[in-house]
Amino acid sequence: MNHLVETIKEIFYYLRQYKARTFMTLFGIVWGTVSIVVLLAFGVGVKKALSKSMHGMGERIAILWPGRTSLAWMGFNRDRYIHLVEEDAELLRREVREIRSISPEYAKWNAPLRHGEQINKPNIAGIYPEYAEMRNIQSQPGGRWINDLDMQEHRRVIFLGDELAKYLFGQGSNPVGQYLYVADSPFLVIGVLAHKLQNSSYSARDQDRAFIPATTFQSLFGHRTIDNIVYQISGPLDSQQAQQRVYEVLGKKKGFNPSDKQALSIWDTTEMDKFVYYFSLGFTLFMGLIGVMTLTVGGIGLANIMYVVVQERTAEIGVRRSIGARRVHILSQFLLEAFIIVAVGALIGFGLAALIIKGIAALPYEDFVGDPVMDLQVAMIAVLILGLVGIVAGFFPARKASRLTVIECLRH
């Protein structure tokens, strides 16, 4: 233990003796560390931003639309229209165990919403209360979402998208508790959508939509069929099985071939998760490769400096060998010196990277590229690469030093 402490003191003594050289060597390691940590952190940030944006429409959800048969089946001709009703959603809830939540969805486009002199014709959806959890819909403070009592009593209540609310009631106003007219019928505003990122939709962005209870929608507009069904699967691995069961269950009830993919149209958003995963993986690998190349340049500089150190201290190595130092002692000393330089550079680099990441996170670019995140995974990858650089950069000069003969050293 004492020998290790003395060796470390000696290493720091040599580093202080050659300050300019030490600084240039450390600079390469510090710069490489900052590069790889910041770039990997950006990769994580982009992945989280993409995932957040993708899941603005909902996580692990699928949207089911009725279609038109393309195959004859059980005595039925092809080209039959398939119609869906609310009971079909309940049937799927009972029969498809992979489905966690489900809601039928009515849609109305040409009914005017009016408040004062402001009129708009958004997409008005009639849905079940569990729709909000599936679609990541949350209310701004002071409001609420549609509940079971609204459904049971056919209440004329409405939940507004945030942009739609601004248009109808004005910027900065609080619509909750106020009334507006839906096709000349008064509705009480019970909530306004909390702003969220949503880069995909199937009717319109939630910020521009209005939502009312499905029972109220049916009473007001008299629709007998629903426009689509939204369901959420239990886990990402249940996607294909859930789709197959949906076709089987509805095929049996509606009388179409379960293999007829034209009879129903299903948009499974878990496919977006796969895209996010592979895109972010490729992006992170690309950014990491740039960081590794930068750090490798620093490692090459460290290796060159270590070769110079070996050359300068050849006589000292000979003296050590002549008084009994073994090759492994010489090897370990120079290898330890390389590791200390890498460790000091890495600590400084991590500190600078943390400051840079914190500064970048304060910039208003989160909606576009996300905030860089220096999480445990990024730190572990950086430490692993730094360790490899330390081993490679220090081993070969250290091996050269350990293989010098005593006569050669003393002659030098």
Protein backbone atom coordinates (compact mmCIF):
# COMPACT_ATOMS: atom_id res chain seq x y z
CA MET A 1 0.00 0.00 0.00
CA ASN A 2 2.80 2.37 0.92
CA HIS A 3 4.56 1.49 -2.33
CA LEU A 4 1.40 2.42 -4.30
CA VAL A 5 1.10 5.75 -2.48
CA GLU A 6 4.75 6.56 -3.17
CA THR A 7 4.33 5.63 -6.83
CA ILE A 8 1.31 7.93 -7.18
CA LYS A 9 3.19 10.80 -5.48
CA GLU A 10 6.07 10.26 -7.87
CA ILE A 11 3.74 10.31 -10.88
CA PHE A 12 2.19 13.62 -9.81
CA TYR A 13 5.69 15.00 -9.23
CA TYR A 14 6.62 14.24 -12.85
CA LEU A 15 3.34 15.74 -14.07
CA ARG A 16 4.08 18.97 -12.21
CA GLN A 17 7.62 19.06 -13.57
CA TYR A 18 6.37 19.14 -17.16
CA LYS A 19 3.33 21.40 -16.84
CA ALA A 20 2.99 22.37 -20.49
CA ARG A 21 3.21 18.79 -21.67
CA THR A 22 0.78 17.65 -18.99
CA PHE A 23 -1.65 20.40 -19.96
CA MET A 24 -1.60 19.46 -23.65
CA THR A 25 -2.07 15.79 -22.82
CA LEU A 26 -4.94 16.52 -20.44
CA PHE A 27 -6.54 18.85 -22.96
CA GLY A 28 -6.90 16.03 -25.48
CA ILE A 29 -8.52 13.75 -22.90
CA VAL A 30 -10.76 16.53 -21.54
CA TRP A 31 -11.91 17.54 -25.01
CA GLY A 32 -12.59 13.94 -25.98
CA THR A 33 -14.52 13.32 -22.76
CA VAL A 34 -16.66 16.44 -23.22
CA SER A 35 -17.37 15.45 -26.83
CA ILE A 36 -18.47 11.90 -26.12
CA VAL A 37 -20.55 12.77 -23.03
CA VAL A 38 -22.33 15.73 -24.65
CA LEU A 39 -22.99 13.87 -27.92
CA LEU A 40 -24.31 10.77 -26.14
CA ALA A 41 -26.44 13.01 -23.92
CA PHE A 42 -27.90 14.60 -27.05
CA GLY A 43 -28.71 11.14 -28.34
CA VAL A 44 -30.66 10.34 -25.16
CA GLY A 45 -32.39 13.73 -25.31
CA VAL A 46 -33.49 13.22 -28.91
CA LYS A 47 -34.84 9.78 -28.05
CA LYS A 48 -36.89 11.15 -25.14
CA ALA A 49 -38.16 14.09 -27.20
CA LEU A 50 -39.24 11.78 -30.03
CA SER A 51 -40.89 9.38 -27.60
CA LYS A 52 -42.71 12.23 -25.83
CA SER A 53 -43.89 13.68 -29.11
CA MET A 54 -44.96 10.29 -30.49
CA HIS A 55 -46.86 9.46 -27.32
CA GLY A 56 -48.75 12.75 -27.41
CA MET A 57 -51.47 10.81 -29.21
CA GLY A 58 -51.28 7.96 -26.73
CA GLU A 59 -49.08 5.09 -25.67
CA ARG A 60 -49.63 1.54 -27.00
CA ILE A 61 -52.91 2.50 -28.65
CA ALA A 62 -54.53 1.35 -31.87
CA ILE A 63 -57.29 3.02 -33.86
CA LEU A 64 -59.78 0.75 -35.59
CA TRP A 65 -61.92 1.93 -38.52
CA PRO A 66 -64.64 0.00 -40.38
CA GLY A 67 -63.83 -0.84 -43.97
CA ARG A 68 -65.17 -2.76 -46.93
CA THR A 69 -64.79 -6.49 -47.50
CA SER A 70 -62.54 -7.67 -50.31
CA LEU A 71 -63.30 -11.40 -49.98
CA ALA A 72 -66.51 -13.41 -50.24
CA TRP A 73 -67.26 -15.30 -47.04
CA MET A 74 -69.94 -17.69 -45.73
CA GLY A 75 -72.39 -16.84 -48.50
CA PHE A 76 -71.75 -13.09 -48.34
CA ASN A 77 -70.48 -11.26 -51.39
CA ARG A 78 -67.41 -9.04 -51.38
CA ASP A 79 -67.58 -5.20 -51.32
CA ARG A 80 -69.85 -5.11 -48.27
CA TYR A 81 -69.48 -2.14 -45.93
CA ILE A 82 -68.75 -3.01 -42.31
CA HIS A 83 -70.45 -0.80 -39.74
CA LEU A 84 -69.39 -0.52 -36.10
CA VAL A 85 -71.57 0.24 -33.07
CA GLU A 86 -70.83 0.84 -29.41
CA GLU A 87 -71.61 -2.77 -28.55
CA ASP A 88 -68.69 -3.87 -30.73
CA ALA A 89 -66.29 -2.06 -28.41
CA GLU A 90 -67.76 -3.85 -25.40
CA LEU A 91 -67.50 -7.16 -27.26
CA LEU A 92 -63.81 -6.58 -27.91
CA ARG A 93 -63.30 -5.61 -24.26
CA ARG A 94 -64.71 -8.97 -23.18
CA GLU A 95 -63.18 -11.20 -25.84
CA VAL A 96 -59.68 -9.79 -26.44
CA ARG A 97 -57.66 -10.21 -23.28
CA GLU A 98 -54.73 -8.20 -24.71
CA ILE A 99 -56.90 -5.05 -24.70
CA ARG A 100 -56.43 -3.01 -21.54
CA SER A 101 -58.81 -0.10 -22.26
CA ILE A 102 -61.20 0.69 -25.08
CA SER A 103 -63.57 3.45 -26.17
CA PRO A 104 -65.84 3.88 -29.17
CA GLU A 105 -65.55 7.27 -30.84
CA TYR A 106 -68.20 9.27 -32.66
CA ALA A 107 -67.12 12.21 -34.82
CA LYS A 108 -68.96 15.29 -36.11
CA TRP A 109 -67.32 17.95 -38.30
CA ASN A 110 -69.97 20.38 -39.49
CA ALA A 111 -71.67 21.30 -36.21
CA PRO A 112 -70.77 24.88 -35.21
CA LEU A 113 -69.39 25.76 -31.78
CA ARG A 114 -70.36 29.31 -30.83
CA HIS A 115 -69.42 31.60 -27.99
CA GLY A 116 -70.49 35.20 -28.45
CA GLU A 117 -69.50 36.17 -31.96
CA GLN A 118 -66.79 33.51 -32.25
CA ILE A 119 -67.79 30.46 -34.29
CA ASN A 120 -65.75 27.40 -35.22
CA LYS A 121 -66.53 24.00 -36.72
CA PRO A 122 -63.99 21.62 -35.16
CA ASN A 123 -64.06 17.87 -34.89
CA ILE A 124 -66.50 17.06 -32.07
CA ALA A 125 -65.86 13.61 -30.60
CA GLY A 126 -68.24 11.54 -28.51
CA ILE A 127 -66.22 9.22 -26.27
CA TYR A 128 -66.08 7.23 -23.02
CA PRO A 129 -64.29 8.54 -19.88
CA GLU A 130 -61.34 6.12 -20.24
CA TYR A 131 -60.51 7.75 -23.57
CA ALA A 132 -58.46 10.44 -21.78
CA GLU A 133 -56.04 8.03 -20.14
CA MET A 134 -55.45 6.18 -23.40
CA ARG A 135 -54.86 9.38 -25.37
CA ASN A 136 -52.76 11.20 -22.75
CA ILE A 137 -55.34 13.95 -22.34
CA GLN A 138 -55.06 16.01 -19.16
CA SER A 139 -57.01 19.03 -18.02
CA GLN A 140 -55.59 22.40 -17.12
CA PRO A 141 -55.87 23.31 -13.40
CA GLY A 142 -59.43 24.13 -12.39
CA GLY A 143 -61.05 21.85 -14.94
CA ARG A 144 -61.85 18.17 -15.27
CA TRP A 145 -62.43 15.44 -17.83
CA ILE A 146 -65.70 13.70 -18.68
CA ASN A 147 -66.77 11.21 -15.98
CA ASP A 148 -69.19 8.29 -15.61
CA LEU A 149 -71.98 10.49 -14.18
CA ASP A 150 -71.82 12.69 -17.28
CA MET A 151 -72.33 9.54 -19.33
CA GLN A 152 -75.19 8.18 -17.23
CA GLU A 153 -77.14 11.45 -17.15
CA HIS A 154 -76.41 12.44 -20.77
CA ARG A 155 -75.04 15.74 -19.51
CA ARG A 156 -74.37 18.52 -21.97
CA VAL A 157 -70.80 19.13 -20.93
CA ILE A 158 -67.82 19.72 -23.20
CA PHE A 159 -64.03 19.50 -22.92
CA LEU A 160 -62.08 21.82 -25.24
CA GLY A 161 -58.66 21.66 -26.84
CA ASP A 162 -56.44 24.50 -25.66
CA GLU A 163 -56.14 26.21 -29.06
CA LEU A 164 -59.86 25.87 -29.69
CA ALA A 165 -60.57 27.41 -26.26
CA LYS A 166 -58.29 30.36 -27.07
CA TYR A 167 -60.12 30.96 -30.33
CA LEU A 168 -63.59 30.83 -28.81
CA PHE A 169 -62.97 32.58 -25.48
CA GLY A 170 -59.85 34.66 -26.15
CA GLN A 171 -56.26 34.51 -24.99
CA GLY A 172 -55.82 34.37 -21.21
CA SER A 173 -59.49 33.75 -20.40
CA ASN A 174 -60.77 30.81 -18.33
CA PRO A 175 -63.60 29.02 -20.18
CA VAL A 176 -64.29 26.54 -17.37
CA GLY A 177 -67.75 27.13 -15.96
CA GLN A 178 -68.90 29.12 -18.99
CA TYR A 179 -71.40 28.05 -21.62
CA LEU A 180 -71.11 27.79 -25.37
CA TYR A 181 -73.49 26.51 -28.02
CA VAL A 182 -73.06 23.26 -29.95
CA ALA A 183 -75.50 23.26 -32.84
CA ASP A 184 -77.77 25.67 -30.92
CA SER A 185 -77.65 23.53 -27.76
CA PRO A 186 -75.98 25.04 -24.65
CA PHE A 187 -73.02 23.09 -23.26
CA LEU A 188 -71.08 23.72 -20.07
CA VAL A 189 -67.30 23.85 -20.47
CA ILE A 190 -65.84 21.54 -17.81
CA GLY A 191 -62.19 21.51 -18.83
CA VAL A 192 -59.48 22.69 -21.21
CA LEU A 193 -56.66 20.53 -22.53
CA ALA A 194 -53.27 21.01 -20.89
CA HIS A 195 -50.82 21.74 -23.71
CA LYS A 196 -48.97 18.69 -24.97
CA LEU A 197 -46.68 17.71 -27.82
CA GLN A 198 -48.48 15.78 -30.54
CA ASN A 199 -46.84 15.24 -33.92
CA SER A 200 -49.42 12.79 -35.26
CA SER A 201 -53.19 12.46 -35.26
CA TYR A 202 -55.99 10.68 -37.09
CA SER A 203 -58.73 13.32 -37.14
CA ALA A 204 -57.15 16.52 -35.89
CA ARG A 205 -54.74 17.59 -33.17
CA ASP A 206 -56.35 17.34 -29.75
CA GLN A 207 -55.65 21.05 -29.25
CA ASP A 208 -58.22 21.81 -31.97
CA ARG A 209 -60.88 19.30 -30.97
CA ALA A 210 -63.89 19.20 -28.63
CA PHE A 211 -65.01 16.17 -26.60
CA ILE A 212 -68.44 15.33 -25.20
CA PRO A 213 -69.89 12.17 -23.57
CA ALA A 214 -70.75 9.44 -26.08
CA THR A 215 -74.30 9.19 -24.73
CA THR A 216 -74.82 12.93 -25.16
CA PHE A 217 -73.42 12.78 -28.68
CA GLN A 218 -75.82 10.03 -29.66
CA SER A 219 -78.81 11.90 -28.19
CA LEU A 220 -77.83 15.18 -29.83
CA PHE A 221 -76.87 14.00 -33.31
CA GLY A 222 -78.70 10.67 -33.54
CA HIS A 223 -75.79 8.66 -34.92
CA ARG A 224 -76.37 4.91 -34.85
CA THR A 225 -72.88 3.87 -35.90
CA ILE A 226 -69.53 4.94 -34.54
CA ASP A 227 -66.67 6.30 -36.61
CA ASN A 228 -63.88 4.29 -34.99
CA ILE A 229 -62.74 2.44 -31.89
CA VAL A 230 -59.65 3.36 -29.87
CA TYR A 231 -58.09 0.66 -27.73
CA GLN A 232 -54.94 0.29 -25.67
CA ILE A 233 -53.03 -2.97 -25.44
CA SER A 234 -51.52 -4.27 -22.21
CA GLY A 235 -47.93 -4.44 -23.48
CA PRO A 236 -45.94 -3.72 -26.66
CA LEU A 237 -45.47 -7.45 -27.31
CA ASP A 238 -49.26 -7.99 -27.45
CA SER A 239 -49.75 -5.91 -30.59
CA GLN A 240 -49.93 -8.65 -33.26
CA GLN A 241 -51.96 -11.02 -31.10
CA ALA A 242 -54.45 -8.25 -30.29
CA GLN A 243 -54.90 -7.40 -33.97
CA GLN A 244 -55.46 -11.03 -34.90
CA ARG A 245 -58.07 -11.45 -32.16
CA VAL A 246 -59.87 -8.24 -33.20
CA TYR A 247 -60.25 -9.56 -36.75
CA GLU A 248 -61.41 -12.93 -35.45
CA VAL A 249 -63.97 -11.56 -32.99
CA LEU A 250 -65.46 -8.93 -35.30
CA GLY A 251 -65.20 -11.25 -38.31
CA LYS A 252 -67.38 -13.78 -36.53
CA LYS A 253 -69.97 -11.16 -35.57
CA LYS A 254 -70.01 -9.17 -38.81
CA GLY A 255 -69.62 -12.14 -41.14
CA PHE A 256 -66.32 -11.51 -42.90
CA ASN A 257 -63.15 -13.49 -43.38
CA PRO A 258 -60.75 -12.84 -40.45
CA SER A 259 -57.89 -12.72 -42.96
CA ASP A 260 -59.61 -9.93 -44.93
CA LYS A 261 -57.52 -6.89 -43.97
CA GLN A 262 -59.74 -4.59 -46.04
CA ALA A 263 -62.77 -5.25 -43.83
CA LEU A 264 -61.16 -3.35 -40.96
CA SER A 265 -58.38 -0.81 -40.92
CA ILE A 266 -56.13 -0.71 -37.85
CA TRP A 267 -53.45 1.87 -37.14
CA ASP A 268 -51.19 0.37 -34.50
CA THR A 269 -49.10 3.17 -32.99
CA THR A 270 -46.66 0.70 -31.39
CA GLU A 271 -45.00 0.73 -34.83
CA MET A 272 -43.97 4.30 -34.03
CA ASP A 273 -42.21 3.04 -30.92
CA LYS A 274 -40.13 0.73 -33.10
CA PHE A 275 -39.26 3.65 -35.37
CA VAL A 276 -38.25 5.80 -32.40
CA TYR A 277 -36.13 2.98 -30.99
CA TYR A 278 -34.19 2.27 -34.19
CA PHE A 279 -33.87 5.92 -35.21
CA SER A 280 -32.60 6.99 -31.78
CA LEU A 281 -30.28 3.97 -31.65
CA GLY A 282 -28.74 4.91 -35.00
CA PHE A 283 -28.54 8.57 -34.00
CA THR A 284 -26.89 7.73 -30.67
CA LEU A 285 -24.41 5.36 -32.35
CA PHE A 286 -23.51 8.06 -34.88
CA MET A 287 -23.04 10.70 -32.20
CA GLY A 288 -21.13 8.24 -30.05
CA LEU A 289 -18.86 7.35 -32.98
CA ILE A 290 -17.96 11.00 -33.43
CA GLY A 291 -17.20 11.26 -29.71
CA VAL A 292 -15.10 8.08 -29.79
CA MET A 293 -13.09 9.40 -32.72
CA THR A 294 -12.44 12.65 -30.87
CA LEU A 295 -11.42 10.78 -27.73
CA THR A 296 -9.22 8.46 -29.79
CA VAL A 297 -7.25 11.47 -31.00
CA GLY A 298 -6.68 12.39 -27.36
CA GLY A 299 -5.63 8.79 -26.66
CA ILE A 300 -3.11 8.89 -29.51
CA GLY A 301 -1.68 12.08 -28.06
CA LEU A 302 -1.43 10.41 -24.66
CA ALA A 303 0.34 7.40 -26.16
CA ASN A 304 2.86 9.62 -27.94
CA ILE A 305 3.57 11.53 -24.75
CA MET A 306 4.03 8.27 -22.85
CA TYR A 307 6.57 7.11 -25.45
CA VAL A 308 8.44 10.37 -24.92
CA VAL A 309 8.31 9.84 -21.15
CA VAL A 310 9.73 6.34 -21.56
CA GLN A 311 12.52 7.72 -23.73
CA GLU A 312 13.37 10.45 -21.22
CA ARG A 313 13.36 8.10 -18.24
CA THR A 314 15.30 5.24 -19.80
CA ALA A 315 18.27 5.78 -17.47
CA GLU A 316 15.96 5.81 -14.47
CA ILE A 317 14.38 2.55 -15.63
CA GLY A 318 17.86 1.01 -15.85
CA VAL A 319 18.68 2.06 -12.30
CA ARG A 320 15.41 0.60 -11.04
CA ARG A 321 16.01 -2.66 -12.86
CA SER A 322 19.59 -2.88 -11.56
CA ILE A 323 18.45 -2.65 -7.92
CA GLY A 324 15.84 -5.40 -8.32
CA ALA A 325 12.72 -3.85 -9.92
CA ARG A 326 10.91 -6.46 -11.98
CA ARG A 327 9.37 -5.89 -15.39
CA VAL A 328 5.86 -6.02 -13.98
CA HIS A 329 6.72 -3.14 -11.62
CA ILE A 330 7.91 -0.97 -14.50
CA LEU A 331 4.87 -1.95 -16.59
CA SER A 332 2.41 -1.17 -13.79
CA GLN A 333 4.02 2.18 -13.00
CA PHE A 334 3.76 3.56 -16.53
CA LEU A 335 0.31 2.04 -17.00
CA LEU A 336 -0.82 3.66 -13.75
CA GLU A 337 0.58 6.99 -14.93
CA ALA A 338 -1.49 6.76 -18.11
CA PHE A 339 -4.61 5.88 -16.11
CA ILE A 340 -4.09 8.81 -13.75
CA ILE A 341 -3.83 11.22 -16.68
CA VAL A 342 -7.00 9.74 -18.19
CA ALA A 343 -8.81 9.84 -14.82
CA VAL A 344 -7.91 13.48 -14.16
CA GLY A 345 -8.87 14.46 -17.69
CA ALA A 346 -12.12 12.50 -17.43
CA LEU A 347 -13.11 14.19 -14.15
CA ILE A 348 -12.49 17.63 -15.63
CA GLY A 349 -14.29 16.59 -18.83
CA PHE A 350 -17.35 15.27 -16.96
CA GLY A 351 -17.55 18.53 -15.00
CA LEU A 352 -17.37 20.68 -18.13
CA ALA A 353 -19.84 18.40 -19.94
CA ALA A 354 -22.33 18.73 -17.06
CA LEU A 355 -22.08 22.54 -17.26
CA ILE A 356 -22.51 22.51 -21.04
CA ILE A 357 -25.52 20.17 -20.82
CA LYS A 358 -27.09 22.35 -18.13
CA GLY A 359 -26.56 25.44 -20.28
CA ILE A 360 -28.03 23.80 -23.38
CA ALA A 361 -31.03 22.57 -21.39
CA ALA A 362 -31.81 26.20 -20.51
CA LEU A 363 -32.21 27.09 -24.20
CA PRO A 364 -35.76 27.03 -25.68
CA TYR A 365 -35.15 24.12 -28.05
CA GLU A 366 -36.71 21.24 -26.10
CA ASP A 367 -39.69 20.86 -28.46
CA PHE A 368 -37.34 20.29 -31.42
CA VAL A 369 -34.37 18.22 -30.24
CA GLY A 370 -35.12 17.62 -26.58
CA ASP A 371 -32.87 18.34 -23.65
CA PRO A 372 -29.54 16.47 -23.53
CA VAL A 373 -29.54 14.06 -20.60
CA MET A 374 -26.41 12.76 -18.86
CA ASP A 375 -27.93 9.66 -17.30
CA LEU A 376 -26.26 6.58 -15.81
CA GLN A 377 -26.13 4.83 -19.19
CA VAL A 378 -24.26 7.73 -20.79
CA ALA A 379 -21.83 7.89 -17.87
CA MET A 380 -21.15 4.13 -17.97
CA ILE A 381 -20.51 4.15 -21.72
CA ALA A 382 -18.16 7.13 -21.39
CA VAL A 383 -16.26 5.51 -18.50
CA LEU A 384 -15.92 2.24 -20.46
CA ILE A 385 -14.52 4.04 -23.51
CA LEU A 386 -12.18 6.11 -21.35
CA GLY A 387 -10.94 2.94 -19.68
CA LEU A 388 -10.22 1.34 -23.05
CA VAL A 389 -8.39 4.47 -24.20
CA GLY A 390 -6.31 4.43 -21.01
CA ILE A 391 -5.39 0.76 -21.46
CA VAL A 392 -4.48 1.07 -25.13
CA ALA A 393 -2.67 4.40 -24.81
CA GLY A 394 -0.70 3.34 -21.75
CA PHE A 395 -0.04 -0.35 -22.38
CA PHE A 396 2.27 -0.20 -25.39
CA PRO A 397 4.59 2.52 -24.04
CA ALA A 398 4.57 0.73 -20.66
CA ARG A 399 5.38 -2.59 -22.32
CA LYS A 400 8.27 -0.96 -24.18
CA ALA A 401 9.62 0.43 -20.90
CA SER A 402 9.33 -2.93 -19.14
CA ARG A 403 11.22 -4.75 -21.91
CA LEU A 404 14.27 -2.49 -21.82
CA THR A 405 17.36 -4.36 -20.64
CA VAL A 406 19.53 -3.01 -17.82
CA ILE A 407 22.63 -2.71 -20.07
CA GLU A 408 20.66 -0.82 -22.73
CA CYS A 409 19.21 1.58 -20.16
CA LEU A 410 22.54 2.29 -18.46
CA ARG A 411 24.26 2.78 -21.84
CA HIS A 412 21.58 5.34 -22.72
